[in-house]
Amino acid sequence: MFLLESPLGPFTIGAGFFPWSLGGKDYLNINDPKAARETHLLGYLKYSGGTFETELGGFCFAVHEGPKSQQTVMNRRLYPPREIEVSEGWL
């Protein structure tokens, strides 16, 4: 993961991304380029003042899962391609 962080007084701003990561742990063909996450972005804002510290941030990624993610030829014929988008935030 590449992460860039910049302190601005009591605030810290950060952003990062994964340049390439496999789509899923059960993906059977790791040489298939479609197993890669298309985007994986992260951003956050942190406040640190005295004994109080809080952070606000989130990340998102998109995954393409095609028929090649299935182990058998029969399952590949029945498996429709999927575009999956996931996002998460925290405070």
Protein backbone atom coordinates (compact mmCIF):
# COMPACT_ATOMS: atom_id res chain seq x y z
CA MET A 1 0.00 0.00 0.00
CA PHE A 2 1.19 3.49 -0.81
CA LEU A 3 0.25 6.05 1.84
CA LEU A 4 0.81 9.80 1.89
CA GLU A 5 0.38 11.63 5.19
CA SER A 6 0.59 15.36 5.87
CA PRO A 7 0.48 16.90 9.37
CA LEU A 8 -1.21 20.33 9.56
CA GLY A 9 -1.12 21.54 13.17
CA PRO A 10 -3.38 19.26 15.23
CA PHE A 11 -4.74 17.64 12.02
CA THR A 12 -3.23 14.88 9.91
CA ILE A 13 -4.55 14.26 6.41
CA GLY A 14 -3.82 10.94 4.75
CA ALA A 15 -4.55 9.23 1.45
CA GLY A 16 -3.42 5.93 0.01
CA PHE A 17 -4.06 3.19 -2.53
CA PHE A 18 -3.17 -0.39 -3.36
CA PRO A 19 -1.66 -0.55 -6.85
CA TRP A 20 -2.69 -4.20 -7.33
CA SER A 21 -4.30 -6.80 -5.12
CA LEU A 22 -6.10 -10.09 -5.77
CA GLY A 23 -9.88 -9.90 -5.83
CA GLY A 24 -10.58 -12.70 -3.39
CA LYS A 25 -8.77 -15.34 -1.34
CA ASP A 26 -10.74 -18.14 -3.03
CA TYR A 27 -10.00 -16.95 -6.57
CA LEU A 28 -8.50 -20.01 -8.25
CA ASN A 29 -6.63 -18.52 -11.19
CA ILE A 30 -4.14 -16.03 -9.73
CA ASN A 31 -2.64 -15.37 -13.18
CA ASP A 32 -5.95 -13.99 -14.46
CA PRO A 33 -5.65 -10.18 -14.59
CA LYS A 34 -9.39 -9.85 -14.00
CA ALA A 35 -8.81 -11.17 -10.46
CA ALA A 36 -7.27 -7.80 -9.62
CA ARG A 37 -9.10 -5.13 -7.69
CA GLU A 38 -9.72 -2.30 -10.08
CA THR A 39 -9.53 0.39 -7.43
CA HIS A 40 -8.63 0.38 -3.77
CA LEU A 41 -8.54 3.89 -2.29
CA LEU A 42 -8.17 5.11 1.30
CA GLY A 43 -8.52 8.57 2.84
CA TYR A 44 -8.67 9.91 6.40
CA LEU A 45 -8.49 12.99 8.60
CA LYS A 46 -7.12 12.68 12.15
CA TYR A 47 -7.32 15.24 14.96
CA SER A 48 -4.91 15.08 17.90
CA GLY A 49 -5.29 17.66 20.66
CA GLY A 50 -3.88 16.98 24.13
CA THR A 51 -5.32 13.72 25.42
CA PHE A 52 -8.12 13.70 22.81
CA GLU A 53 -7.63 11.99 19.46
CA THR A 54 -10.21 11.08 16.82
CA GLU A 55 -10.10 9.99 13.20
CA LEU A 56 -12.56 10.11 10.32
CA GLY A 57 -11.93 8.12 7.17
CA GLY A 58 -13.01 5.56 4.68
CA PHE A 59 -11.97 3.30 1.85
CA CYS A 60 -13.53 1.75 -1.23
CA PHE A 61 -12.65 -0.95 -3.72
CA ALA A 62 -14.20 -2.64 -6.75
CA VAL A 63 -13.74 -6.27 -7.81
CA HIS A 64 -14.62 -8.05 -11.03
CA GLU A 65 -15.45 -11.75 -10.60
CA GLY A 66 -15.86 -13.63 -13.84
CA PRO A 67 -16.43 -17.29 -14.72
CA LYS A 68 -12.71 -18.02 -14.35
CA SER A 69 -13.16 -17.69 -10.58
CA GLN A 70 -14.92 -21.08 -10.60
CA GLN A 71 -13.03 -24.35 -10.31
CA THR A 72 -14.91 -26.57 -12.78
CA VAL A 73 -15.93 -25.97 -16.41
CA MET A 74 -19.57 -26.69 -15.55
CA ASN A 75 -19.59 -24.03 -12.82
CA ARG A 76 -17.89 -21.56 -15.17
CA ARG A 77 -20.74 -21.93 -17.67
CA LEU A 78 -23.33 -21.21 -14.97
CA TYR A 79 -21.51 -18.34 -13.24
CA PRO A 80 -22.44 -14.86 -14.47
CA PRO A 81 -19.80 -12.10 -14.32
CA ARG A 82 -20.17 -9.80 -11.29
CA GLU A 83 -19.00 -6.29 -10.54
CA ILE A 84 -18.74 -5.82 -6.77
CA GLU A 85 -18.19 -2.46 -5.09
CA VAL A 86 -17.45 -2.16 -1.36
CA SER A 87 -17.03 0.96 0.74
CA GLU A 88 -16.50 1.48 4.45
CA GLY A 89 -16.09 4.48 6.72
CA TRP A 90 -15.08 4.99 10.33
CA LEU A 91 -15.10 7.59 13.06
